[in-house]
C-alpha atoms as a PDB file:
ATOM      1  CA  MET A   1      -1.107  11.865  33.876  1.00  0.00           C
ATOM      2  CA  THR A   2       0.739  10.445  30.878  1.00  0.00           C
ATOM      3  CA  ASN A   3       4.008  12.187  30.109  1.00  0.00           C
ATOM      4  CA  GLN A   4       4.687  13.634  26.650  1.00  0.00           C
ATOM      5  CA  ILE A   5       6.827  10.781  25.358  1.00  0.00           C
ATOM      6  CA  ASP A   6       4.343   8.146  26.532  1.00  0.00           C
ATOM      7  CA  LEU A   7       1.448  10.076  24.974  1.00  0.00           C
ATOM      8  CA  GLU A   8       3.213  10.364  21.628  1.00  0.00           C
ATOM      9  CA  ALA A   9       4.112   6.652  21.755  1.00  0.00           C
ATOM     10  CA  GLU A  10       0.497   5.705  22.585  1.00  0.00           C
ATOM     11  CA  ILE A  11      -0.834   7.754  19.684  1.00  0.00           C
ATOM     12  CA  GLN A  12       1.792   6.315  17.308  1.00  0.00           C
ATOM     13  CA  ARG A  13       0.911   2.792  18.447  1.00  0.00           C
ATOM     14  CA  LEU A  14      -2.790   3.437  17.789  1.00  0.00           C
ATOM     15  CA  LEU A  15      -1.975   4.837  14.345  1.00  0.00           C
ATOM     16  CA  THR A  16      -0.027   1.749  13.337  1.00  0.00           C
ATOM     17  CA  GLU A  17      -1.747  -1.076  15.216  1.00  0.00           C
ATOM     18  CA  ASP A  18      -5.465  -0.208  15.102  1.00  0.00           C
ATOM     19  CA  ASP A  19      -7.040  -1.997  12.106  1.00  0.00           C
ATOM     20  CA  ARG A  20      -9.269   0.997  11.375  1.00  0.00           C
ATOM     21  CA  ILE A  21      -6.241   3.268  10.936  1.00  0.00           C
ATOM     22  CA  ALA A  22      -3.142   1.162  10.147  1.00  0.00           C
ATOM     23  CA  GLU A  23      -1.049   4.134   9.013  1.00  0.00           C
ATOM     24  CA  GLN A  24       2.708   4.110   9.447  1.00  0.00           C
ATOM     25  CA  GLY A  25       3.399   7.382   7.642  1.00  0.00           C
ATOM     26  CA  ILE A  26       1.732   9.691  10.152  1.00  0.00           C
ATOM     27  CA  THR A  27       3.992  11.699  12.449  1.00  0.00           C
ATOM     28  CA  VAL A  28       3.116  12.731  15.986  1.00  0.00           C
ATOM     29  CA  GLN A  29       4.691  15.874  17.438  1.00  0.00           C
ATOM     30  CA  ARG A  30       4.042  17.676  20.681  1.00  0.00           C
ATOM     31  CA  ARG A  31       3.871  21.468  20.278  1.00  0.00           C
ATOM     32  CA  ASP A  32       3.246  23.438  23.443  1.00  0.00           C
ATOM     33  CA  HIS A  33      -0.264  22.460  24.582  1.00  0.00           C
ATOM     34  CA  LEU A  34      -1.276  20.309  21.623  1.00  0.00           C
ATOM     35  CA  VAL A  35      -0.319  17.240  19.602  1.00  0.00           C
ATOM     36  CA  VAL A  36       0.092  17.679  15.850  1.00  0.00           C
ATOM     37  CA  LEU A  37      -0.555  14.800  13.452  1.00  0.00           C
ATOM     38  CA  GLY A  38       1.344  15.178  10.163  1.00  0.00           C
ATOM     39  CA  GLY A  39       1.999  13.265   6.976  1.00  0.00           C
ATOM     40  CA  GLU A  40      -0.082  12.432   3.931  1.00  0.00           C
ATOM     41  CA  VAL A  41      -2.925  10.024   3.144  1.00  0.00           C
ATOM     42  CA  GLU A  42      -4.814   9.194  -0.043  1.00  0.00           C
ATOM     43  CA  SER A  43      -8.151  10.937   0.676  1.00  0.00           C
ATOM     44  CA  THR A  44      -9.933  13.501   2.808  1.00  0.00           C
ATOM     45  CA  HIS A  45     -12.171  10.711   4.104  1.00  0.00           C
ATOM     46  CA  ARG A  46      -9.110   8.789   5.325  1.00  0.00           C
ATOM     47  CA  ARG A  47      -7.633  11.910   6.969  1.00  0.00           C
ATOM     48  CA  ASP A  48     -10.922  12.724   8.698  1.00  0.00           C
ATOM     49  CA  GLU A  49     -11.296   9.141   9.963  1.00  0.00           C
ATOM     50  CA  ILE A  50      -7.758   9.124  11.393  1.00  0.00           C
ATOM     51  CA  CYS A  51      -8.336  12.432  13.174  1.00  0.00           C
ATOM     52  CA  ARG A  52     -11.709  11.248  14.487  1.00  0.00           C
ATOM     53  CA  GLN A  53     -10.243   7.999  15.857  1.00  0.00           C
ATOM     54  CA  ILE A  54      -7.346   9.773  17.593  1.00  0.00           C
ATOM     55  CA  THR A  55      -9.619  12.440  19.077  1.00  0.00           C
ATOM     56  CA  GLU A  56     -12.013   9.730  20.326  1.00  0.00           C
ATOM     57  CA  HIS A  57      -9.211   7.752  21.983  1.00  0.00           C
ATOM     58  CA  PHE A  58      -7.595  10.820  23.547  1.00  0.00           C
ATOM     59  CA  PRO A  59     -10.500  13.158  24.455  1.00  0.00           C
ATOM     60  CA  ASP A  60      -8.447  15.172  26.967  1.00  0.00           C
ATOM     61  CA  VAL A  61      -5.690  15.995  24.467  1.00  0.00           C
ATOM     62  CA  GLU A  62      -5.913  18.871  21.995  1.00  0.00           C
ATOM     63  CA  ILE A  63      -5.194  17.374  18.562  1.00  0.00           C
ATOM     64  CA  ALA A  64      -4.259  19.389  15.463  1.00  0.00           C
ATOM     65  CA  CYS A  65      -4.727  17.393  12.291  1.00  0.00           C
ATOM     66  CA  ASP A  66      -2.156  18.648   9.781  1.00  0.00           C
ATOM     67  CA  ILE A  67      -2.391  15.626   7.478  1.00  0.00           C
ATOM     68  CA  GLY A  68      -2.208  16.401   3.770  1.00  0.00           C
ATOM     69  CA  ILE A  69      -3.766  14.581   0.841  1.00  0.00           C
ATOM     70  CA  THR A  70      -1.520  12.806  -1.656  1.00  0.00           C
ATOM     71  CA  ARG A  71      -2.449  13.553  -5.239  1.00  0.00           C
ATOM     72  CA  ALA A  72      -3.184  10.155  -6.763  1.00  0.00           C
ATOM     73  CA  HIS A  73      -4.237  11.340 -10.241  1.00  0.00           C
ATOM     74  CA  ALA A  74      -2.535  13.432 -12.848  1.00  0.00           C
ATOM     75  CA  PRO A  75      -3.589  17.068 -12.735  1.00  0.00           C
ATOM     76  CA  SER A  76      -6.708  17.820 -14.760  1.00  0.00           C
ATOM     77  CA  GLU A  77      -5.534  21.286 -15.772  1.00  0.00           C
ATOM     78  CA  VAL A  78      -2.269  22.877 -16.734  1.00  0.00           C
ATOM     79  CA  GLU A  79      -0.441  24.617 -13.938  1.00  0.00           C
ATOM     80  CA  GLU A  80       0.643  28.099 -14.945  1.00  0.00           C
ATOM     81  CA  ILE A  81       4.000  29.217 -13.630  1.00  0.00           C
ATOM     82  CA  SER A  82       4.625  32.938 -13.622  1.00  0.00           C
END
């Protein structure tokens, strides 16, 4: 079985080197029994594709996809601060 550091390194390598993903801003952290992917990408489609690729490559590892979406446009409505 792959140890924790090797697993995190393998996932990080896939994130950066696989042409379908090619993301350097995604973090990989081991938390108890699962691996958490963090960071931000430009769209929900991109986030979902990254999570799908990682889950496909590591089917025996529980993956939590905690990747946020970067707001690329100016807000369309005024934010009210109370």
